[in-house]
Amino acid sequence: MNNLSLISSGDAEGDLRELRKDVEKLSEDLRDPRSCMDAEREAIKRDVIPLTDISCRLKTAIATTNAVRDRAERNGGGL
């Protein structure tokens, strides 16, 4: 039995429409790679900035923890 006969024509038409949309989008991206790269760059910035903020907070927390540890060691183990 042919696998194509199992696919209803409505499903195939919908899949074909989706495929055409995807091809059109890719064609647009290929025509203007700079805009695609700009969009990717902006997406990366959105992801990196929060990570940078988290990194700064983590470094501050580590420095604070180290300062408390050092103070405790100077006081003979007590805070």
N, C-alpha and C. Protein backbone atom coordinates (compact mmCIF):
# COMPACT_ATOMS: atom_id res chain seq x y z
N MET A 1 0.85 -1.18 0.00
CA MET A 1 0.00 0.00 0.00
C MET A 1 0.89 1.24 0.00
N ASN A 2 0.53 2.21 -0.77
CA ASN A 2 1.31 3.44 -0.89
C ASN A 2 1.05 4.33 0.32
N ASN A 3 2.10 4.83 0.95
CA ASN A 3 1.96 5.69 2.13
C ASN A 3 1.22 6.98 1.81
N LEU A 4 1.37 7.47 0.58
CA LEU A 4 0.70 8.72 0.21
C LEU A 4 -0.81 8.57 0.23
N SER A 5 -1.30 7.37 -0.02
CA SER A 5 -2.75 7.19 -0.01
C SER A 5 -3.32 7.29 1.40
N LEU A 6 -2.48 7.14 2.42
CA LEU A 6 -2.94 7.24 3.80
C LEU A 6 -3.11 8.69 4.25
N ILE A 7 -2.48 9.62 3.55
CA ILE A 7 -2.54 11.02 3.93
C ILE A 7 -3.76 11.65 3.28
N SER A 8 -4.60 12.26 4.08
CA SER A 8 -5.77 12.92 3.50
C SER A 8 -5.32 14.14 2.73
N SER A 9 -6.09 14.53 1.74
CA SER A 9 -5.69 15.67 0.90
C SER A 9 -5.66 16.95 1.71
N GLY A 10 -6.51 17.09 2.73
CA GLY A 10 -6.51 18.28 3.58
C GLY A 10 -5.21 18.41 4.35
N ASP A 11 -4.73 17.30 4.89
CA ASP A 11 -3.46 17.31 5.62
C ASP A 11 -2.30 17.66 4.70
N ALA A 12 -2.30 17.08 3.52
CA ALA A 12 -1.23 17.34 2.57
C ALA A 12 -1.24 18.80 2.13
N GLU A 13 -2.42 19.35 1.91
CA GLU A 13 -2.51 20.75 1.49
C GLU A 13 -2.04 21.68 2.61
N GLY A 14 -2.42 21.37 3.84
CA GLY A 14 -1.97 22.17 4.98
C GLY A 14 -0.46 22.10 5.15
N ASP A 15 0.08 20.90 5.01
CA ASP A 15 1.53 20.73 5.11
C ASP A 15 2.24 21.49 4.00
N LEU A 16 1.67 21.46 2.81
CA LEU A 16 2.26 22.17 1.68
C LEU A 16 2.24 23.67 1.91
N ARG A 17 1.15 24.19 2.47
CA ARG A 17 1.07 25.62 2.79
C ARG A 17 2.14 26.01 3.82
N GLU A 18 2.28 25.19 4.86
CA GLU A 18 3.30 25.45 5.88
C GLU A 18 4.70 25.41 5.29
N LEU A 19 4.93 24.45 4.42
CA LEU A 19 6.23 24.33 3.77
C LEU A 19 6.52 25.56 2.92
N ARG A 20 5.52 26.03 2.19
CA ARG A 20 5.69 27.24 1.37
C ARG A 20 6.00 28.46 2.23
N LYS A 21 5.31 28.58 3.37
CA LYS A 21 5.58 29.70 4.28
C LYS A 21 7.02 29.64 4.78
N ASP A 22 7.47 28.44 5.15
CA ASP A 22 8.84 28.28 5.64
C ASP A 22 9.86 28.64 4.56
N VAL A 23 9.59 28.20 3.32
CA VAL A 23 10.49 28.50 2.21
C VAL A 23 10.52 30.00 1.94
N GLU A 24 9.36 30.66 2.00
CA GLU A 24 9.31 32.11 1.80
C GLU A 24 10.12 32.83 2.89
N LYS A 25 9.98 32.40 4.12
CA LYS A 25 10.72 33.01 5.23
C LYS A 25 12.22 32.83 5.04
N LEU A 26 12.63 31.62 4.68
CA LEU A 26 14.05 31.37 4.44
C LEU A 26 14.56 32.20 3.27
N SER A 27 13.75 32.33 2.23
CA SER A 27 14.14 33.13 1.07
C SER A 27 14.34 34.58 1.47
N GLU A 28 13.44 35.11 2.31
CA GLU A 28 13.58 36.49 2.79
C GLU A 28 14.87 36.64 3.60
N ASP A 29 15.14 35.68 4.46
CA ASP A 29 16.35 35.73 5.27
C ASP A 29 17.61 35.69 4.40
N LEU A 30 17.56 34.89 3.35
CA LEU A 30 18.72 34.79 2.47
C LEU A 30 18.91 36.06 1.64
N ARG A 31 17.80 36.72 1.30
CA ARG A 31 17.90 37.98 0.54
C ARG A 31 18.52 39.07 1.40
N ASP A 32 18.22 39.07 2.68
CA ASP A 32 18.73 40.12 3.57
C ASP A 32 19.36 39.48 4.80
N PRO A 33 20.54 38.89 4.64
CA PRO A 33 21.16 38.20 5.78
C PRO A 33 21.50 39.14 6.93
N ARG A 34 21.72 40.41 6.62
CA ARG A 34 22.08 41.35 7.69
C ARG A 34 20.93 41.48 8.70
N SER A 35 19.70 41.57 8.21
CA SER A 35 18.57 41.70 9.15
C SER A 35 18.41 40.43 9.97
N CYS A 36 18.67 39.30 9.36
CA CYS A 36 18.60 38.03 10.10
C CYS A 36 19.69 38.00 11.16
N MET A 37 20.89 38.44 10.80
CA MET A 37 21.99 38.47 11.76
C MET A 37 21.71 39.47 12.87
N ASP A 38 21.12 40.61 12.51
CA ASP A 38 20.77 41.61 13.53
C ASP A 38 19.76 41.05 14.52
N ALA A 39 18.78 40.32 13.99
CA ALA A 39 17.77 39.72 14.87
C ALA A 39 18.42 38.69 15.80
N GLU A 40 19.34 37.90 15.27
CA GLU A 40 20.04 36.92 16.10
C GLU A 40 20.90 37.61 17.15
N ARG A 41 21.55 38.69 16.75
CA ARG A 41 22.40 39.45 17.69
C ARG A 41 21.55 40.01 18.83
N GLU A 42 20.39 40.56 18.50
CA GLU A 42 19.51 41.09 19.54
C GLU A 42 19.02 39.99 20.47
N ALA A 43 18.71 38.83 19.91
CA ALA A 43 18.27 37.70 20.74
C ALA A 43 19.39 37.27 21.69
N ILE A 44 20.61 37.28 21.20
CA ILE A 44 21.76 36.92 22.04
C ILE A 44 21.93 37.95 23.16
N LYS A 45 21.79 39.23 22.82
CA LYS A 45 21.91 40.27 23.84
C LYS A 45 20.87 40.10 24.93
N ARG A 46 19.63 39.76 24.52
CA ARG A 46 18.57 39.57 25.52
C ARG A 46 18.92 38.43 26.46
N ASP A 47 19.59 37.41 25.95
CA ASP A 47 19.97 36.27 26.78
C ASP A 47 21.21 36.56 27.62
N VAL A 48 22.17 37.29 27.05
CA VAL A 48 23.46 37.52 27.72
C VAL A 48 23.34 38.54 28.84
N ILE A 49 22.57 39.59 28.64
CA ILE A 49 22.47 40.64 29.66
C ILE A 49 21.96 40.07 30.99
N PRO A 50 20.87 39.28 30.98
CA PRO A 50 20.47 38.71 32.27
C PRO A 50 21.55 37.79 32.87
N LEU A 51 22.26 37.05 32.02
CA LEU A 51 23.33 36.20 32.54
C LEU A 51 24.44 37.03 33.14
N THR A 52 24.74 38.17 32.53
CA THR A 52 25.76 39.06 33.07
C THR A 52 25.32 39.59 34.42
N ASP A 53 24.04 39.96 34.53
CA ASP A 53 23.50 40.45 35.79
C ASP A 53 23.59 39.37 36.87
N ILE A 54 23.24 38.16 36.51
CA ILE A 54 23.31 37.05 37.45
C ILE A 54 24.76 36.81 37.86
N SER A 55 25.67 36.91 36.90
CA SER A 55 27.09 36.72 37.20
C SER A 55 27.58 37.77 38.20
N CYS A 56 27.17 39.02 37.99
CA CYS A 56 27.57 40.09 38.92
C CYS A 56 27.01 39.84 40.32
N ARG A 57 25.76 39.43 40.39
CA ARG A 57 25.16 39.13 41.69
C ARG A 57 25.88 37.98 42.38
N LEU A 58 26.22 36.97 41.59
CA LEU A 58 26.92 35.82 42.16
C LEU A 58 28.29 36.22 42.68
N LYS A 59 29.02 37.03 41.91
CA LYS A 59 30.33 37.49 42.35
C LYS A 59 30.22 38.31 43.63
N THR A 60 29.19 39.16 43.73
CA THR A 60 28.98 39.95 44.94
C THR A 60 28.68 39.05 46.13
N ALA A 61 27.83 38.04 45.91
CA ALA A 61 27.49 37.12 46.99
C ALA A 61 28.72 36.34 47.45
N ILE A 62 29.55 35.93 46.51
CA ILE A 62 30.77 35.20 46.87
C ILE A 62 31.71 36.10 47.67
N ALA A 63 31.87 37.34 47.22
CA ALA A 63 32.74 38.28 47.94
C ALA A 63 32.23 38.52 49.35
N THR A 64 30.91 38.67 49.50
CA THR A 64 30.31 38.87 50.82
C THR A 64 30.54 37.65 51.70
N THR A 65 30.32 36.48 51.14
CA THR A 65 30.52 35.24 51.88
C THR A 65 31.98 35.10 52.32
N ASN A 66 32.89 35.42 51.42
CA ASN A 66 34.32 35.34 51.76
C ASN A 66 34.67 36.33 52.86
N ALA A 67 34.11 37.53 52.81
CA ALA A 67 34.38 38.54 53.84
C ALA A 67 33.87 38.07 55.20
N VAL A 68 32.68 37.48 55.23
CA VAL A 68 32.12 36.97 56.49
C VAL A 68 32.99 35.82 57.00
N ARG A 69 33.42 34.94 56.11
CA ARG A 69 34.28 33.83 56.51
C ARG A 69 35.59 34.35 57.10
N ASP A 70 36.19 35.33 56.42
CA ASP A 70 37.45 35.89 56.91
C ASP A 70 37.27 36.54 58.28
N ARG A 71 36.18 37.27 58.46
CA ARG A 71 35.91 37.91 59.75
C ARG A 71 35.73 36.85 60.83
N ALA A 72 35.02 35.77 60.49
CA ALA A 72 34.81 34.70 61.46
C ALA A 72 36.13 34.04 61.84
N GLU A 73 37.01 33.85 60.85
CA GLU A 73 38.32 33.25 61.15
C GLU A 73 39.16 34.16 62.03
N ARG A 74 39.09 35.47 61.78
CA ARG A 74 39.84 36.43 62.61
C ARG A 74 39.32 36.45 64.04
N ASN A 75 38.03 36.22 64.22
CA ASN A 75 37.42 36.23 65.54
C ASN A 75 37.48 34.86 66.21
N GLY A 76 38.24 33.98 65.66
CA GLY A 76 38.39 32.66 66.27
C GLY A 76 37.18 31.77 66.04
N GLY A 77 36.51 31.96 64.96
CA GLY A 77 35.39 31.09 64.63
C GLY A 77 34.04 31.68 64.94
N GLY A 78 33.98 32.79 65.68
CA GLY A 78 32.69 33.41 65.97
C GLY A 78 32.44 34.61 65.09
N LEU A 79 31.21 34.90 64.88
CA LEU A 79 30.87 36.07 64.08
C LEU A 79 30.88 37.28 64.97
